[in-house]
Structures are given as structure tokens and as C-alpha cells.
Amino acid sequence: MPTEKDDRSPVALELRDVSADQRMFSPSVARNSAPILAALKRVLPTHGAVLEIGCGTGEHAVCFAGGMPNLTWQPSDPDADARTSTSSWIKFAGLTNVLAPLDIDVCSGRWGVEQTGRFDAIVSINMIHIAPWAASLGLFAGAGRLLRTGGLLVLYGPFMRDGAHNAPSNAAFDAALKEKNPSWGLRDIADLEQVGGATGLKLRETIDMPTNNMLLVFSTRSA
């Protein structure tokens, strides 16, 4: 049956089918998983630990972990139903390199994973435009604390560049987001670069993706 989520998570923006075992299915994930996986295979290390912020339904987590079996994937989401769906997807996929999803508030000064050691990468897909600007600040601050030397922060979604949208559809999407919640909206790459500079991260690469999305790859300055 269809379900609509609250505003705390990217699952808020779509109606999703839910299976009997509580797996949620996202139409956008079905469309974007393959190109994102191809890009991640190129930019991420072949071995190590990856923290995903805002895992949503969990479909990305099992797709990426299945495609990169030498990485340990740690999903997280602040929404309880999203974590339930992710746990069910992990069980359904039978993968051993995906950990149980965590409840992480990116705006918190501690994420509850500090004791596990540093991560080789942090990945966040379609999150920062569906959250207040404080979430972007918290995401970069957390990456600065938790990434290893040479670690990567990878962001996927629609972005602005120097105050301009790269497509009319993105401008319309930005307006719709702000109408839904004035604190949401597409973020400008220049603003993210400035925040990255303050937290020890530098934009290393910008990758154009299908449907006017981008993959931004930030790295620690010592990389």
C-alpha cells in the first residue's frame, strides 16, 4: 500500500509502495541507482568503511554494498520507518557488508559513531536540499571530524552553481521545495565549497549525472 512520510527524511517527497516485510520502494532510486553506483565505483576506495547519511528506503545501501563488496556500508537515517525499511532490505538482500542502520542527527555535535573509528568516505544522496541549511553545516562538520586522512565526502543531487540553476526543471523543483518548507532548497556549490574550506574539505571533482543532477566529491585537505 502507498505511504507518505513526514518532513524529517527524503522519504517525505515520494509515495512509496511498502511490501509485507516493510521494505519501501522508491521510483527515483530505481532510476538513479545504476549511474550513481558507476560513479561511486570510480571515486570511492576499493576497501574500507563508508557511512551513508540519509539512507531513506535502504535501496541505495544494498545496491551500493552489493556492487562494492569490499566496502563496509554503514547506513543511517533519522526516520524510524526508513531505518525499518533499510533493515528489511538488508535482510532481503542477504548482504554481510551492510551494517544495521543508525539514527544519526547530522546537526548534533556527536553522531554516535565516533567510537568505531574514522571512515574512508561519507556519502549523502538527495539529502541536503530536503533539510535546513543547518543540516549541510552539520554534515560537513561531521565529515571533518570523522573522515580519515584522504577521506571523501560525496554528495549527490541537484545543485546550483554561482546562483544559477542548470535546468528549468531544477528551478521549478527548488521553488516547490521552498513552498513546502522555506528552509529547504537547492544548495549552491560555491556555498558548499566555502563550508568545506572551514571544515578541512576541498571540492575535488564535480560529476554531471543524468536528469540534471551532480555528484560532488570533497576530500580532506591532506589527501
N, C-alpha and C. Protein backbone atom coordinates (compact mmCIF):
# COMPACT_ATOMS: atom_id res chain seq x y z
N MET A 1 0.84 -1.19 0.00
CA MET A 1 0.00 0.00 0.00
C MET A 1 0.88 1.24 0.00
N PRO A 2 0.41 2.37 -0.53
CA PRO A 2 1.24 3.56 -0.56
C PRO A 2 1.37 4.18 0.82
N THR A 3 2.47 4.85 1.02
CA THR A 3 2.70 5.53 2.29
C THR A 3 3.34 6.86 2.03
N GLU A 4 3.06 7.85 2.86
CA GLU A 4 3.69 9.16 2.72
C GLU A 4 4.39 9.49 4.03
N LYS A 5 5.64 9.87 3.95
CA LYS A 5 6.46 10.09 5.13
C LYS A 5 6.36 11.54 5.58
N ASP A 6 6.85 11.79 6.82
CA ASP A 6 6.87 13.15 7.33
C ASP A 6 8.07 13.90 6.78
N ASP A 7 8.29 15.13 7.25
CA ASP A 7 9.26 16.01 6.63
C ASP A 7 10.70 15.82 7.12
N ARG A 8 10.95 14.83 7.96
CA ARG A 8 12.29 14.70 8.53
C ARG A 8 13.26 13.96 7.63
N SER A 9 12.81 13.38 6.56
CA SER A 9 13.63 12.48 5.77
C SER A 9 13.30 12.64 4.30
N PRO A 10 14.25 12.29 3.40
CA PRO A 10 13.94 12.32 1.96
C PRO A 10 12.76 11.46 1.57
N VAL A 11 12.37 10.49 2.38
CA VAL A 11 11.19 9.70 2.03
C VAL A 11 9.93 10.55 2.03
N ALA A 12 10.02 11.80 2.51
CA ALA A 12 8.85 12.68 2.54
C ALA A 12 8.36 13.06 1.17
N LEU A 13 9.21 13.01 0.15
CA LEU A 13 8.87 13.61 -1.13
C LEU A 13 8.22 12.66 -2.12
N GLU A 14 8.09 11.38 -1.78
CA GLU A 14 7.52 10.45 -2.73
C GLU A 14 6.51 9.55 -2.03
N LEU A 15 5.56 9.08 -2.80
CA LEU A 15 4.73 7.98 -2.36
C LEU A 15 5.46 6.70 -2.69
N ARG A 16 5.56 5.81 -1.72
CA ARG A 16 6.30 4.58 -1.93
C ARG A 16 5.42 3.38 -1.62
N ASP A 17 5.58 2.32 -2.42
CA ASP A 17 4.95 1.06 -2.08
C ASP A 17 5.72 0.43 -0.93
N VAL A 18 5.00 -0.29 -0.09
CA VAL A 18 5.61 -0.96 1.05
C VAL A 18 5.22 -2.43 1.00
N SER A 19 6.22 -3.31 1.04
CA SER A 19 5.96 -4.74 0.99
C SER A 19 5.52 -5.24 2.36
N ALA A 20 5.11 -6.50 2.41
CA ALA A 20 4.65 -7.09 3.67
C ALA A 20 5.75 -7.12 4.71
N ASP A 21 7.01 -7.18 4.27
CA ASP A 21 8.13 -7.19 5.22
C ASP A 21 8.68 -5.79 5.49
N GLN A 22 7.90 -4.76 5.12
CA GLN A 22 8.18 -3.35 5.44
C GLN A 22 9.31 -2.74 4.61
N ARG A 23 9.65 -3.38 3.49
CA ARG A 23 10.57 -2.74 2.56
C ARG A 23 9.82 -1.68 1.76
N MET A 24 10.38 -0.47 1.72
CA MET A 24 9.81 0.59 0.90
C MET A 24 10.53 0.63 -0.45
N PHE A 25 9.81 1.05 -1.48
CA PHE A 25 10.32 1.08 -2.84
C PHE A 25 10.21 2.50 -3.38
N SER A 26 11.32 3.06 -3.83
CA SER A 26 11.36 4.44 -4.31
C SER A 26 11.52 4.48 -5.83
N PRO A 27 10.62 5.11 -6.56
CA PRO A 27 10.78 5.24 -8.01
C PRO A 27 12.08 5.94 -8.40
N SER A 28 12.48 6.97 -7.64
CA SER A 28 13.69 7.70 -8.00
C SER A 28 14.93 6.83 -7.81
N VAL A 29 14.93 5.98 -6.77
CA VAL A 29 16.07 5.09 -6.56
C VAL A 29 16.18 4.10 -7.71
N ALA A 30 15.04 3.60 -8.18
CA ALA A 30 15.06 2.68 -9.30
C ALA A 30 15.70 3.31 -10.53
N ARG A 31 15.52 4.63 -10.67
CA ARG A 31 16.09 5.33 -11.83
C ARG A 31 17.55 5.68 -11.65
N ASN A 32 17.96 6.05 -10.44
CA ASN A 32 19.30 6.62 -10.31
C ASN A 32 20.36 5.70 -9.73
N SER A 33 19.98 4.51 -9.24
CA SER A 33 20.95 3.65 -8.58
C SER A 33 22.12 3.27 -9.47
N ALA A 34 21.82 2.85 -10.71
CA ALA A 34 22.88 2.36 -11.58
C ALA A 34 23.91 3.45 -11.92
N PRO A 35 23.50 4.65 -12.35
CA PRO A 35 24.51 5.68 -12.64
C PRO A 35 25.26 6.14 -11.40
N ILE A 36 24.60 6.20 -10.24
CA ILE A 36 25.32 6.59 -9.03
C ILE A 36 26.34 5.52 -8.66
N LEU A 37 25.94 4.26 -8.74
CA LEU A 37 26.88 3.18 -8.43
C LEU A 37 28.10 3.23 -9.34
N ALA A 38 27.88 3.47 -10.63
CA ALA A 38 29.01 3.54 -11.56
C ALA A 38 29.97 4.66 -11.17
N ALA A 39 29.43 5.81 -10.76
CA ALA A 39 30.29 6.92 -10.36
C ALA A 39 31.00 6.61 -9.05
N LEU A 40 30.29 6.01 -8.10
CA LEU A 40 30.91 5.69 -6.82
C LEU A 40 32.02 4.66 -6.98
N LYS A 41 31.84 3.72 -7.86
CA LYS A 41 32.89 2.72 -8.09
C LYS A 41 34.19 3.39 -8.55
N ARG A 42 34.05 4.49 -9.26
CA ARG A 42 35.24 5.19 -9.74
C ARG A 42 35.90 6.03 -8.65
N VAL A 43 35.10 6.66 -7.79
CA VAL A 43 35.68 7.63 -6.86
C VAL A 43 35.97 7.06 -5.47
N LEU A 44 35.24 6.05 -5.04
CA LEU A 44 35.44 5.51 -3.70
C LEU A 44 36.63 4.55 -3.67
N PRO A 45 37.23 4.37 -2.50
CA PRO A 45 38.29 3.37 -2.39
C PRO A 45 37.70 1.97 -2.58
N THR A 46 38.56 1.01 -2.92
CA THR A 46 38.08 -0.35 -3.14
C THR A 46 37.82 -1.09 -1.84
N HIS A 47 38.47 -0.66 -0.77
CA HIS A 47 38.29 -1.27 0.55
C HIS A 47 38.06 -0.15 1.57
N GLY A 48 37.40 -0.50 2.67
CA GLY A 48 37.24 0.48 3.74
C GLY A 48 35.82 0.55 4.25
N ALA A 49 35.53 1.61 4.98
CA ALA A 49 34.24 1.80 5.63
C ALA A 49 33.58 3.07 5.12
N VAL A 50 32.31 2.98 4.76
CA VAL A 50 31.55 4.11 4.23
C VAL A 50 30.34 4.34 5.12
N LEU A 51 30.12 5.59 5.49
CA LEU A 51 28.94 5.99 6.26
C LEU A 51 27.98 6.70 5.33
N GLU A 52 26.74 6.21 5.24
CA GLU A 52 25.73 6.87 4.43
C GLU A 52 24.81 7.68 5.34
N ILE A 53 24.66 8.95 5.02
CA ILE A 53 23.78 9.84 5.77
C ILE A 53 22.49 10.03 4.98
N GLY A 54 21.36 9.69 5.62
CA GLY A 54 20.07 9.81 4.95
C GLY A 54 19.82 8.66 3.98
N CYS A 55 19.79 7.43 4.50
CA CYS A 55 19.70 6.26 3.62
C CYS A 55 18.30 6.04 3.07
N GLY A 56 17.28 6.74 3.60
CA GLY A 56 15.94 6.61 3.05
C GLY A 56 15.43 5.18 3.12
N THR A 57 14.95 4.67 1.99
CA THR A 57 14.35 3.34 1.95
C THR A 57 15.37 2.23 2.21
N GLY A 58 16.65 2.49 1.98
CA GLY A 58 17.68 1.47 2.12
C GLY A 58 18.05 0.80 0.81
N GLU A 59 17.34 1.13 -0.26
CA GLU A 59 17.63 0.52 -1.56
C GLU A 59 19.02 0.89 -2.07
N HIS A 60 19.41 2.15 -1.87
CA HIS A 60 20.75 2.54 -2.28
C HIS A 60 21.80 1.75 -1.49
N ALA A 61 21.58 1.60 -0.20
CA ALA A 61 22.57 0.93 0.63
C ALA A 61 22.85 -0.48 0.13
N VAL A 62 21.79 -1.25 -0.15
CA VAL A 62 22.03 -2.62 -0.59
C VAL A 62 22.56 -2.67 -2.02
N CYS A 63 22.15 -1.71 -2.85
CA CYS A 63 22.68 -1.66 -4.22
C CYS A 63 24.17 -1.39 -4.21
N PHE A 64 24.58 -0.38 -3.45
CA PHE A 64 25.99 0.00 -3.45
C PHE A 64 26.85 -1.02 -2.73
N ALA A 65 26.35 -1.56 -1.62
CA ALA A 65 27.11 -2.58 -0.90
C ALA A 65 27.25 -3.84 -1.74
N GLY A 66 26.19 -4.18 -2.47
CA GLY A 66 26.27 -5.35 -3.34
C GLY A 66 27.23 -5.15 -4.49
N GLY A 67 27.31 -3.91 -4.99
CA GLY A 67 28.20 -3.62 -6.11
C GLY A 67 29.63 -3.39 -5.71
N MET A 68 29.87 -3.11 -4.42
CA MET A 68 31.22 -2.87 -3.91
C MET A 68 31.44 -3.73 -2.66
N PRO A 69 31.58 -5.04 -2.86
CA PRO A 69 31.55 -5.97 -1.73
C PRO A 69 32.72 -5.84 -0.76
N ASN A 70 33.78 -5.15 -1.14
CA ASN A 70 34.92 -4.99 -0.23
C ASN A 70 34.81 -3.75 0.65
N LEU A 71 33.71 -3.02 0.51
CA LEU A 71 33.44 -1.89 1.38
C LEU A 71 32.43 -2.31 2.45
N THR A 72 32.63 -1.83 3.66
CA THR A 72 31.62 -1.99 4.71
C THR A 72 30.74 -0.76 4.70
N TRP A 73 29.43 -0.96 4.52
CA TRP A 73 28.49 0.15 4.34
C TRP A 73 27.68 0.34 5.62
N GLN A 74 27.75 1.53 6.19
CA GLN A 74 27.00 1.86 7.40
C GLN A 74 25.90 2.86 7.05
N PRO A 75 24.65 2.41 6.86
CA PRO A 75 23.57 3.35 6.57
C PRO A 75 23.08 4.04 7.83
N SER A 76 22.44 5.20 7.65
CA SER A 76 21.83 5.91 8.77
C SER A 76 20.69 6.77 8.26
N ASP A 77 19.71 7.01 9.12
CA ASP A 77 18.61 7.90 8.78
C ASP A 77 17.92 8.31 10.08
N PRO A 78 17.47 9.56 10.21
CA PRO A 78 16.77 9.99 11.42
C PRO A 78 15.34 9.48 11.51
N ASP A 79 14.81 8.92 10.42
CA ASP A 79 13.42 8.49 10.38
C ASP A 79 13.32 7.01 10.72
N ALA A 80 12.49 6.67 11.70
CA ALA A 80 12.39 5.29 12.18
C ALA A 80 11.87 4.34 11.11
N ASP A 81 10.88 4.78 10.32
CA ASP A 81 10.35 3.90 9.28
C ASP A 81 11.37 3.66 8.18
N ALA A 82 12.19 4.67 7.89
CA ALA A 82 13.26 4.49 6.92
C ALA A 82 14.25 3.45 7.41
N ARG A 83 14.57 3.50 8.69
CA ARG A 83 15.51 2.51 9.23
C ARG A 83 14.89 1.10 9.21
N THR A 84 13.59 1.01 9.47
CA THR A 84 12.92 -0.29 9.40
C THR A 84 12.99 -0.85 7.98
N SER A 85 12.71 0.01 7.00
CA SER A 85 12.79 -0.42 5.60
C SER A 85 14.21 -0.85 5.25
N THR A 86 15.18 -0.08 5.68
CA THR A 86 16.57 -0.41 5.38
C THR A 86 16.96 -1.75 6.00
N SER A 87 16.57 -1.97 7.25
CA SER A 87 16.87 -3.25 7.90
C SER A 87 16.25 -4.40 7.13
N SER A 88 15.03 -4.21 6.63
CA SER A 88 14.37 -5.26 5.89
C SER A 88 15.06 -5.50 4.55
N TRP A 89 15.51 -4.43 3.89
CA TRP A 89 16.24 -4.59 2.64
C TRP A 89 17.55 -5.34 2.86
N ILE A 90 18.23 -5.05 3.96
CA ILE A 90 19.49 -5.74 4.25
C ILE A 90 19.24 -7.24 4.43
N LYS A 91 18.19 -7.57 5.17
CA LYS A 91 17.84 -8.98 5.37
C LYS A 91 17.45 -9.63 4.06
N PHE A 92 16.65 -8.93 3.25
CA PHE A 92 16.20 -9.46 1.96
C PHE A 92 17.38 -9.71 1.03
N ALA A 93 18.35 -8.78 1.00
CA ALA A 93 19.48 -8.90 0.09
C ALA A 93 20.49 -9.94 0.57
N GLY A 94 20.51 -10.25 1.85
CA GLY A 94 21.44 -11.24 2.38
C GLY A 94 22.89 -10.81 2.33
N LEU A 95 23.12 -9.50 2.41
CA LEU A 95 24.48 -8.98 2.35
C LEU A 95 25.11 -8.96 3.74
N THR A 96 26.40 -9.25 3.79
CA THR A 96 27.11 -9.23 5.07
C THR A 96 27.95 -7.98 5.26
N ASN A 97 28.05 -7.14 4.23
CA ASN A 97 28.88 -5.94 4.33
C ASN A 97 28.06 -4.66 4.53
N VAL A 98 26.76 -4.83 4.91
CA VAL A 98 25.92 -3.69 5.27
C VAL A 98 25.55 -3.84 6.74
N LEU A 99 25.82 -2.81 7.52
CA LEU A 99 25.53 -2.84 8.95
C LEU A 99 24.11 -2.35 9.22
N ALA A 100 23.61 -2.62 10.39
CA ALA A 100 22.28 -2.16 10.77
C ALA A 100 22.22 -0.64 10.75
N PRO A 101 21.12 -0.06 10.25
CA PRO A 101 21.04 1.40 10.13
C PRO A 101 21.02 2.09 11.49
N LEU A 102 21.66 3.25 11.54
CA LEU A 102 21.74 4.04 12.76
C LEU A 102 20.84 5.26 12.67
N ASP A 103 20.48 5.79 13.82
CA ASP A 103 19.72 7.05 13.91
C ASP A 103 20.75 8.16 14.14
N ILE A 104 21.07 8.91 13.08
CA ILE A 104 22.06 9.98 13.18
C ILE A 104 21.40 11.31 12.84
N ASP A 105 21.57 12.26 13.75
CA ASP A 105 21.15 13.64 13.53
C ASP A 105 22.40 14.43 13.13
N VAL A 106 22.47 14.83 11.87
CA VAL A 106 23.68 15.48 11.39
C VAL A 106 23.96 16.81 12.09
N CYS A 107 22.93 17.40 12.68
CA CYS A 107 23.12 18.68 13.36
C CYS A 107 23.71 18.51 14.76
N SER A 108 23.80 17.27 15.21
CA SER A 108 24.35 17.02 16.53
C SER A 108 25.87 17.09 16.50
N GLY A 109 26.46 17.50 17.61
CA GLY A 109 27.91 17.56 17.72
C GLY A 109 28.56 16.20 17.79
N ARG A 110 27.78 15.17 18.13
CA ARG A 110 28.27 13.80 18.12
C ARG A 110 27.23 12.94 17.40
N TRP A 111 27.72 12.03 16.56
CA TRP A 111 26.84 11.19 15.76
C TRP A 111 26.69 9.78 16.32
N GLY A 112 27.43 9.47 17.38
CA GLY A 112 27.32 8.15 17.96
C GLY A 112 28.14 7.09 17.26
N VAL A 113 28.99 7.49 16.33
CA VAL A 113 29.85 6.52 15.62
C VAL A 113 31.33 6.82 15.87
N GLU A 114 31.59 7.80 16.72
CA GLU A 114 32.98 8.20 16.95
C GLU A 114 33.82 7.05 17.49
N GLN A 115 33.20 6.15 18.26
CA GLN A 115 33.95 5.07 18.87
C GLN A 115 34.35 3.99 17.86
N THR A 116 33.74 4.01 16.67
CA THR A 116 34.03 2.97 15.69
C THR A 116 35.29 3.27 14.88
N GLY A 117 35.83 4.46 15.00
CA GLY A 117 36.99 4.84 14.21
C GLY A 117 36.58 5.70 13.04
N ARG A 118 37.53 6.14 12.28
CA ARG A 118 37.26 7.06 11.18
C ARG A 118 36.82 6.31 9.92
N PHE A 119 36.09 7.02 9.08
CA PHE A 119 35.55 6.44 7.86
C PHE A 119 36.39 6.84 6.65
N ASP A 120 36.39 5.97 5.65
CA ASP A 120 37.08 6.27 4.39
C ASP A 120 36.25 7.19 3.51
N ALA A 121 34.94 7.15 3.69
CA ALA A 121 34.05 8.02 2.91
C ALA A 121 32.73 8.19 3.65
N ILE A 122 32.12 9.34 3.42
CA ILE A 122 30.75 9.62 3.85
C ILE A 122 29.96 9.98 2.60
N VAL A 123 28.83 9.33 2.41
CA VAL A 123 28.01 9.53 1.22
C VAL A 123 26.62 10.02 1.65
N SER A 124 26.12 11.04 0.97
CA SER A 124 24.77 11.54 1.26
C SER A 124 24.08 11.84 -0.06
N ILE A 125 22.95 11.18 -0.27
CA ILE A 125 22.24 11.25 -1.54
C ILE A 125 20.89 11.93 -1.34
N ASN A 126 20.67 12.99 -2.11
CA ASN A 126 19.38 13.69 -2.09
C ASN A 126 18.93 14.04 -0.68
N MET A 127 19.87 14.58 0.11
CA MET A 127 19.52 14.93 1.48
C MET A 127 19.55 16.42 1.74
N ILE A 128 20.63 17.11 1.34
CA ILE A 128 20.82 18.46 1.86
C ILE A 128 19.81 19.48 1.31
N HIS A 129 19.19 19.18 0.17
CA HIS A 129 18.16 20.12 -0.32
C HIS A 129 16.80 19.86 0.32
N ILE A 130 16.66 18.75 1.04
CA ILE A 130 15.40 18.42 1.71
C ILE A 130 15.62 18.51 3.22
N ALA A 131 16.38 19.50 3.61
CA ALA A 131 16.72 19.72 5.02
C ALA A 131 17.14 21.17 5.18
N PRO A 132 17.09 21.71 6.38
CA PRO A 132 17.56 23.09 6.60
C PRO A 132 19.06 23.21 6.30
N TRP A 133 19.50 24.44 6.08
CA TRP A 133 20.91 24.70 5.82
C TRP A 133 21.77 24.20 6.97
N ALA A 134 21.22 24.19 8.18
CA ALA A 134 21.97 23.68 9.33
C ALA A 134 22.39 22.23 9.13
N ALA A 135 21.62 21.46 8.36
CA ALA A 135 21.99 20.07 8.10
C ALA A 135 23.24 20.00 7.22
N SER A 136 23.36 20.92 6.26
CA SER A 136 24.57 20.96 5.44
C SER A 136 25.78 21.30 6.30
N LEU A 137 25.61 22.29 7.18
CA LEU A 137 26.70 22.66 8.07
C LEU A 137 27.09 21.49 8.97
N GLY A 138 26.09 20.79 9.50
CA GLY A 138 26.37 19.65 10.35
C GLY A 138 27.02 18.51 9.61
N LEU A 139 26.60 18.29 8.36
CA LEU A 139 27.19 17.22 7.56
C LEU A 139 28.67 17.46 7.32
N PHE A 140 29.03 18.68 6.95
CA PHE A 140 30.44 18.98 6.72
C PHE A 140 31.24 18.94 8.01
N ALA A 141 30.65 19.43 9.10
CA ALA A 141 31.35 19.38 10.37
C ALA A 141 31.62 17.93 10.78
N GLY A 142 30.61 17.07 10.61
CA GLY A 142 30.79 15.67 10.93
C GLY A 142 31.83 15.01 10.05
N ALA A 143 31.83 15.34 8.77
CA ALA A 143 32.84 14.79 7.86
C ALA A 143 34.23 15.22 8.28
N GLY A 144 34.35 16.47 8.70
CA GLY A 144 35.66 16.95 9.16
C GLY A 144 36.15 16.20 10.37
N ARG A 145 35.22 15.77 11.24
CA ARG A 145 35.60 15.03 12.44
C ARG A 145 35.90 13.57 12.17
N LEU A 146 35.14 12.97 11.24
CA LEU A 146 35.09 11.51 11.17
C LEU A 146 35.82 10.89 9.98
N LEU A 147 36.21 11.70 9.00
CA LEU A 147 36.90 11.13 7.84
C LEU A 147 38.38 10.89 8.14
N ARG A 148 38.89 9.80 7.59
CA ARG A 148 40.31 9.52 7.68
C ARG A 148 41.09 10.51 6.82
N THR A 149 42.39 10.54 6.98
CA THR A 149 43.24 11.31 6.08
C THR A 149 43.02 10.81 4.65
N GLY A 150 42.70 11.71 3.76
CA GLY A 150 42.39 11.32 2.39
C GLY A 150 40.97 10.86 2.20
N GLY A 151 40.13 10.97 3.24
CA GLY A 151 38.74 10.53 3.14
C GLY A 151 37.91 11.45 2.27
N LEU A 152 36.77 10.92 1.81
CA LEU A 152 35.91 11.64 0.86
C LEU A 152 34.52 11.88 1.44
N LEU A 153 33.98 13.05 1.13
CA LEU A 153 32.57 13.34 1.35
C LEU A 153 31.94 13.45 -0.03
N VAL A 154 30.96 12.59 -0.32
CA VAL A 154 30.34 12.54 -1.64
C VAL A 154 28.87 12.91 -1.52
N LEU A 155 28.46 13.93 -2.26
CA LEU A 155 27.08 14.41 -2.25
C LEU A 155 26.47 14.21 -3.63
N TYR A 156 25.23 13.74 -3.66
CA TYR A 156 24.51 13.58 -4.92
C TYR A 156 23.19 14.32 -4.84
N GLY A 157 22.83 14.95 -5.94
CA GLY A 157 21.53 15.61 -6.02
C GLY A 157 21.57 16.76 -7.00
N PRO A 158 20.53 17.61 -7.01
CA PRO A 158 20.54 18.82 -7.83
C PRO A 158 21.20 19.96 -7.06
N PHE A 159 22.01 20.73 -7.75
CA PHE A 159 22.71 21.85 -7.12
C PHE A 159 22.63 23.08 -8.01
N MET A 160 22.84 24.24 -7.40
CA MET A 160 23.02 25.48 -8.15
C MET A 160 24.51 25.75 -8.29
N ARG A 161 24.85 26.56 -9.30
CA ARG A 161 26.24 26.95 -9.49
C ARG A 161 26.29 28.46 -9.67
N ASP A 162 26.94 29.15 -8.73
CA ASP A 162 27.06 30.61 -8.76
C ASP A 162 25.70 31.28 -8.90
N GLY A 163 24.74 30.77 -8.13
CA GLY A 163 23.42 31.37 -8.09
C GLY A 163 22.48 31.01 -9.22
N ALA A 164 22.92 30.13 -10.12
CA ALA A 164 22.09 29.79 -11.29
C ALA A 164 21.76 28.30 -11.29
N HIS A 165 20.54 27.99 -11.73
CA HIS A 165 20.15 26.60 -11.92
C HIS A 165 20.67 26.10 -13.27
N ASN A 166 20.90 24.79 -13.36
CA ASN A 166 21.40 24.26 -14.62
C ASN A 166 20.29 23.75 -15.53
N ALA A 167 19.03 23.89 -15.09
CA ALA A 167 17.90 23.47 -15.92
C ALA A 167 16.63 24.09 -15.37
N PRO A 168 15.67 24.42 -16.24
CA PRO A 168 14.38 24.95 -15.75
C PRO A 168 13.69 23.99 -14.77
N SER A 169 13.85 22.69 -14.98
CA SER A 169 13.20 21.73 -14.08
C SER A 169 13.76 21.84 -12.67
N ASN A 170 15.04 22.12 -12.56
CA ASN A 170 15.63 22.29 -11.23
C ASN A 170 15.15 23.58 -10.57
N ALA A 171 14.97 24.62 -11.36
CA ALA A 171 14.43 25.87 -10.81
C ALA A 171 13.02 25.65 -10.28
N ALA A 172 12.22 24.89 -11.02
CA ALA A 172 10.86 24.60 -10.58
C ALA A 172 10.87 23.72 -9.33
N PHE A 173 11.79 22.75 -9.28
CA PHE A 173 11.91 21.88 -8.12
C PHE A 173 12.31 22.69 -6.90
N ASP A 174 13.25 23.60 -7.07
CA ASP A 174 13.71 24.46 -5.98
C ASP A 174 12.54 25.28 -5.42
N ALA A 175 11.75 25.84 -6.31
CA ALA A 175 10.59 26.64 -5.87
C ALA A 175 9.58 25.78 -5.13
N ALA A 176 9.37 24.56 -5.60
CA ALA A 176 8.42 23.66 -4.95
C ALA A 176 8.90 23.26 -3.56
N LEU A 177 10.19 23.02 -3.44
CA LEU A 177 10.75 22.68 -2.13
C LEU A 177 10.56 23.83 -1.14
N LYS A 178 10.87 25.05 -1.58
CA LYS A 178 10.76 26.20 -0.70
C LYS A 178 9.31 26.50 -0.34
N GLU A 179 8.39 26.16 -1.23
CA GLU A 179 6.98 26.33 -0.91
C GLU A 179 6.56 25.33 0.16
N LYS A 180 7.11 24.13 0.08
CA LYS A 180 6.79 23.10 1.07
C LYS A 180 7.41 23.43 2.41
N ASN A 181 8.66 23.92 2.38
CA ASN A 181 9.37 24.27 3.60
C ASN A 181 10.40 25.35 3.25
N PRO A 182 10.24 26.57 3.74
CA PRO A 182 11.13 27.66 3.36
C PRO A 182 12.60 27.42 3.68
N SER A 183 12.88 26.49 4.60
CA SER A 183 14.27 26.23 4.95
C SER A 183 14.92 25.21 4.02
N TRP A 184 14.16 24.64 3.10
CA TRP A 184 14.69 23.68 2.13
C TRP A 184 15.10 24.43 0.86
N GLY A 185 15.69 23.71 -0.08
CA GLY A 185 16.03 24.28 -1.37
C GLY A 185 17.37 23.79 -1.88
N LEU A 186 17.58 23.96 -3.19
CA LEU A 186 18.83 23.53 -3.80
C LEU A 186 19.98 24.39 -3.26
N ARG A 187 21.09 23.76 -2.96
CA ARG A 187 22.25 24.46 -2.40
C ARG A 187 23.23 24.82 -3.52
N ASP A 188 23.90 25.94 -3.32
CA ASP A 188 24.86 26.42 -4.31
C ASP A 188 26.22 25.78 -4.04
N ILE A 189 26.85 25.30 -5.10
CA ILE A 189 28.15 24.65 -4.96
C ILE A 189 29.17 25.58 -4.31
N ALA A 190 29.12 26.86 -4.66
CA ALA A 190 30.07 27.82 -4.08
C ALA A 190 29.90 27.91 -2.56
N ASP A 191 28.67 27.87 -2.09
CA ASP A 191 28.42 27.91 -0.64
C ASP A 191 28.96 26.65 0.03
N LEU A 192 28.78 25.50 -0.63
CA LEU A 192 29.27 24.25 -0.08
C LEU A 192 30.80 24.22 -0.05
N GLU A 193 31.41 24.79 -1.08
CA GLU A 193 32.87 24.88 -1.08
C GLU A 193 33.37 25.73 0.10
N GLN A 194 32.66 26.81 0.38
CA GLN A 194 33.05 27.67 1.49
C GLN A 194 32.93 26.93 2.82
N VAL A 195 31.85 26.20 3.00
CA VAL A 195 31.68 25.41 4.22
C VAL A 195 32.75 24.33 4.30
N GLY A 196 33.02 23.70 3.17
CA GLY A 196 34.07 22.68 3.15
C GLY A 196 35.42 23.24 3.55
N GLY A 197 35.73 24.43 3.07
CA GLY A 197 37.01 25.04 3.43
C GLY A 197 37.14 25.28 4.91
N ALA A 198 36.03 25.58 5.56
CA ALA A 198 36.05 25.84 7.01
C ALA A 198 36.17 24.56 7.82
N THR A 199 35.90 23.41 7.19
CA THR A 199 35.93 22.14 7.91
C THR A 199 37.02 21.20 7.39
N GLY A 200 37.95 21.74 6.60
CA GLY A 200 39.08 20.94 6.14
C GLY A 200 38.81 20.08 4.92
N LEU A 201 37.78 20.45 4.14
CA LEU A 201 37.42 19.67 2.95
C LEU A 201 37.47 20.55 1.71
N LYS A 202 37.99 19.99 0.64
CA LYS A 202 38.12 20.74 -0.62
C LYS A 202 37.39 19.98 -1.72
N LEU A 203 36.66 20.74 -2.55
CA LEU A 203 35.96 20.12 -3.68
C LEU A 203 36.98 19.60 -4.68
N ARG A 204 36.97 18.29 -4.87
CA ARG A 204 37.95 17.65 -5.74
C ARG A 204 37.42 17.43 -7.15
N GLU A 205 36.12 17.16 -7.24
CA GLU A 205 35.56 16.80 -8.54
C GLU A 205 34.06 17.05 -8.55
N THR A 206 33.56 17.51 -9.70
CA THR A 206 32.13 17.66 -9.93
C THR A 206 31.76 16.80 -11.12
N ILE A 207 30.85 15.87 -10.93
CA ILE A 207 30.49 14.92 -11.98
C ILE A 207 29.05 15.16 -12.39
N ASP A 208 28.83 15.44 -13.66
CA ASP A 208 27.47 15.60 -14.17
C ASP A 208 26.79 14.23 -14.23
N MET A 209 25.55 14.18 -13.75
CA MET A 209 24.78 12.95 -13.70
C MET A 209 23.49 13.12 -14.49
N PRO A 210 22.79 12.02 -14.77
CA PRO A 210 21.53 12.13 -15.52
C PRO A 210 20.51 13.02 -14.82
N THR A 211 19.57 13.50 -15.60
CA THR A 211 18.44 14.34 -15.16
C THR A 211 18.90 15.55 -14.37
N ASN A 212 19.99 16.18 -14.82
CA ASN A 212 20.48 17.45 -14.27
C ASN A 212 20.92 17.37 -12.82
N ASN A 213 21.31 16.20 -12.37
CA ASN A 213 21.89 16.04 -11.05
C ASN A 213 23.41 16.07 -11.15
N MET A 214 24.07 16.13 -9.99
CA MET A 214 25.53 16.13 -9.95
C MET A 214 26.00 15.27 -8.79
N LEU A 215 27.23 14.81 -8.92
CA LEU A 215 27.92 14.15 -7.81
C LEU A 215 29.10 15.04 -7.44
N LEU A 216 29.12 15.53 -6.22
CA LEU A 216 30.22 16.38 -5.74
C LEU A 216 31.12 15.55 -4.85
N VAL A 217 32.41 15.59 -5.11
CA VAL A 217 33.38 14.81 -4.34
C VAL A 217 34.31 15.77 -3.62
N PHE A 218 34.20 15.80 -2.29
CA PHE A 218 35.08 16.60 -1.45
C PHE A 218 36.11 15.67 -0.81
N SER A 219 37.30 16.18 -0.58
CA SER A 219 38.32 15.38 0.07
C SER A 219 38.99 16.18 1.16
N THR A 220 39.54 15.49 2.15
CA THR A 220 40.28 16.17 3.20
C THR A 220 41.49 16.87 2.58
N ARG A 221 41.86 18.00 3.15
CA ARG A 221 42.93 18.81 2.58
C ARG A 221 44.26 18.07 2.52
N SER A 222 44.45 17.11 3.42
CA SER A 222 45.72 16.39 3.46
C SER A 222 45.78 15.25 2.48
N ALA A 223 44.69 15.07 1.69
CA ALA A 223 44.68 13.97 0.72
C ALA A 223 45.73 14.22 -0.35
